[in-house]
Amino acid sequence: MERAALRLLGRRVRQLRKQHAWSQEHLAEVAELHENYVSRVETGTQEPGLFVLLRLCRALNIAPGELLEDFSLRALKRLRLK
């Protein structure tokens, strides 16, 4: 399901943010996003576009692959994306 994929991505964003010991507000500020948007991404209720993902990567100082590392081939098969 797509919601499962969004939740998986959200958990990864939250994990990376907490590794930096940042609040959602701080990540939002550094990524030039609204705090509520970051919250919705982390809870899997917001589907971020490519440029938002790139902003998050830039803010967290990571490569896009690191953001998506939880999306292994096995995980993708389980998600049954439409």
C-alpha atoms as a PDB file:
ATOM      1  CA  MET A   1       0.000   0.000   0.000  1.00  0.00           C
ATOM      2  CA  GLU A   2       1.132   3.524  -0.687  1.00  0.00           C
ATOM      3  CA  ARG A   3       0.396   4.544   2.912  1.00  0.00           C
ATOM      4  CA  ALA A   4       2.817   1.897   4.148  1.00  0.00           C
ATOM      5  CA  ALA A   5       5.505   3.368   1.879  1.00  0.00           C
ATOM      6  CA  LEU A   6       4.809   6.869   3.181  1.00  0.00           C
ATOM      7  CA  ARG A   7       5.013   5.635   6.775  1.00  0.00           C
ATOM      8  CA  LEU A   8       8.323   3.903   6.026  1.00  0.00           C
ATOM      9  CA  LEU A   9       9.726   7.111   4.535  1.00  0.00           C
ATOM     10  CA  GLY A  10       8.381   9.145   7.449  1.00  0.00           C
ATOM     11  CA  ARG A  11      10.050   6.877   9.995  1.00  0.00           C
ATOM     12  CA  ARG A  12      13.345   7.303   8.141  1.00  0.00           C
ATOM     13  CA  VAL A  13      13.040  11.099   8.091  1.00  0.00           C
ATOM     14  CA  ARG A  14      12.259  11.089  11.819  1.00  0.00           C
ATOM     15  CA  GLN A  15      15.211   8.774  12.527  1.00  0.00           C
ATOM     16  CA  LEU A  16      17.619  11.006  10.625  1.00  0.00           C
ATOM     17  CA  ARG A  17      16.239  14.156  12.251  1.00  0.00           C
ATOM     18  CA  LYS A  18      16.675  12.668  15.715  1.00  0.00           C
ATOM     19  CA  GLN A  19      20.240  11.616  14.880  1.00  0.00           C
ATOM     20  CA  HIS A  20      20.914  15.328  14.451  1.00  0.00           C
ATOM     21  CA  ALA A  21      19.070  16.020  17.740  1.00  0.00           C
ATOM     22  CA  TRP A  22      16.824  18.433  15.831  1.00  0.00           C
ATOM     23  CA  SER A  23      13.219  19.356  16.431  1.00  0.00           C
ATOM     24  CA  GLN A  24      10.743  19.206  13.563  1.00  0.00           C
ATOM     25  CA  GLU A  25      10.762  22.987  13.634  1.00  0.00           C
ATOM     26  CA  HIS A  26      14.531  23.121  13.150  1.00  0.00           C
ATOM     27  CA  LEU A  27      14.489  20.610  10.275  1.00  0.00           C
ATOM     28  CA  ALA A  28      11.692  22.584   8.652  1.00  0.00           C
ATOM     29  CA  GLU A  29      13.688  25.794   8.960  1.00  0.00           C
ATOM     30  CA  VAL A  30      16.879  24.292   7.522  1.00  0.00           C
ATOM     31  CA  ALA A  31      14.975  22.557   4.695  1.00  0.00           C
ATOM     32  CA  GLU A  32      12.886  25.678   4.011  1.00  0.00           C
ATOM     33  CA  LEU A  33       9.619  23.837   4.663  1.00  0.00           C
ATOM     34  CA  HIS A  34       6.707  24.472   6.991  1.00  0.00           C
ATOM     35  CA  GLU A  35       6.875  22.677  10.342  1.00  0.00           C
ATOM     36  CA  ASN A  36       3.432  21.150   9.758  1.00  0.00           C
ATOM     37  CA  TYR A  37       4.622  19.753   6.430  1.00  0.00           C
ATOM     38  CA  VAL A  38       7.576  18.031   8.102  1.00  0.00           C
ATOM     39  CA  SER A  39       5.219  16.613  10.712  1.00  0.00           C
ATOM     40  CA  ARG A  40       2.921  15.218   8.012  1.00  0.00           C
ATOM     41  CA  VAL A  41       5.864  13.671   6.156  1.00  0.00           C
ATOM     42  CA  GLU A  42       7.055  11.999   9.351  1.00  0.00           C
ATOM     43  CA  THR A  43       3.605  10.580  10.099  1.00  0.00           C
ATOM     44  CA  GLY A  44       3.132   9.349   6.544  1.00  0.00           C
ATOM     45  CA  THR A  45       0.142  11.548   5.809  1.00  0.00           C
ATOM     46  CA  GLN A  46       1.981  13.752   3.290  1.00  0.00           C
ATOM     47  CA  GLU A  47       3.488  12.494   0.044  1.00  0.00           C
ATOM     48  CA  PRO A  48       6.558  14.656  -0.573  1.00  0.00           C
ATOM     49  CA  GLY A  49       7.629  15.486  -4.092  1.00  0.00           C
ATOM     50  CA  LEU A  50      11.124  15.089  -5.494  1.00  0.00           C
ATOM     51  CA  PHE A  51      12.252  18.609  -4.642  1.00  0.00           C
ATOM     52  CA  VAL A  52      11.037  18.286  -1.054  1.00  0.00           C
ATOM     53  CA  LEU A  53      12.991  15.044  -0.720  1.00  0.00           C
ATOM     54  CA  LEU A  54      16.056  16.804  -2.095  1.00  0.00           C
ATOM     55  CA  ARG A  55      15.595  19.695   0.343  1.00  0.00           C
ATOM     56  CA  LEU A  56      15.403  17.213   3.219  1.00  0.00           C
ATOM     57  CA  CYS A  57      18.552  15.468   2.002  1.00  0.00           C
ATOM     58  CA  ARG A  58      20.399  18.757   1.709  1.00  0.00           C
ATOM     59  CA  ALA A  59      19.266  19.825   5.180  1.00  0.00           C
ATOM     60  CA  LEU A  60      20.265  16.489   6.720  1.00  0.00           C
ATOM     61  CA  ASN A  61      23.530  16.443   4.746  1.00  0.00           C
ATOM     62  CA  ILE A  62      22.843  13.029   3.227  1.00  0.00           C
ATOM     63  CA  ALA A  63      22.657  11.532  -0.251  1.00  0.00           C
ATOM     64  CA  PRO A  64      19.166  10.655  -1.505  1.00  0.00           C
ATOM     65  CA  GLY A  65      20.049   6.968  -1.332  1.00  0.00           C
ATOM     66  CA  GLU A  66      20.507   7.265   2.425  1.00  0.00           C
ATOM     67  CA  LEU A  67      17.001   8.660   2.777  1.00  0.00           C
ATOM     68  CA  LEU A  68      15.590   5.731   0.822  1.00  0.00           C
ATOM     69  CA  GLU A  69      17.800   2.984   2.258  1.00  0.00           C
ATOM     70  CA  ASP A  70      14.836   1.265   3.940  1.00  0.00           C
ATOM     71  CA  PHE A  71      13.285   0.673   0.507  1.00  0.00           C
ATOM     72  CA  SER A  72      15.093  -2.560  -0.307  1.00  0.00           C
ATOM     73  CA  LEU A  73      13.835  -4.745  -3.156  1.00  0.00           C
ATOM     74  CA  ARG A  74      12.266  -7.025  -0.564  1.00  0.00           C
ATOM     75  CA  ALA A  75      10.478  -4.098   1.086  1.00  0.00           C
ATOM     76  CA  LEU A  76       9.244  -2.821  -2.275  1.00  0.00           C
ATOM     77  CA  LYS A  77       7.745  -6.231  -3.101  1.00  0.00           C
ATOM     78  CA  ARG A  78       5.909  -6.253   0.226  1.00  0.00           C
ATOM     79  CA  LEU A  79       4.470  -2.794  -0.372  1.00  0.00           C
ATOM     80  CA  ARG A  80       2.535  -3.834  -3.494  1.00  0.00           C
ATOM     81  CA  LEU A  81       2.535  -0.344  -4.964  1.00  0.00           C
ATOM     82  CA  LYS A  82      -0.182   0.530  -7.457  1.00  0.00           C
END
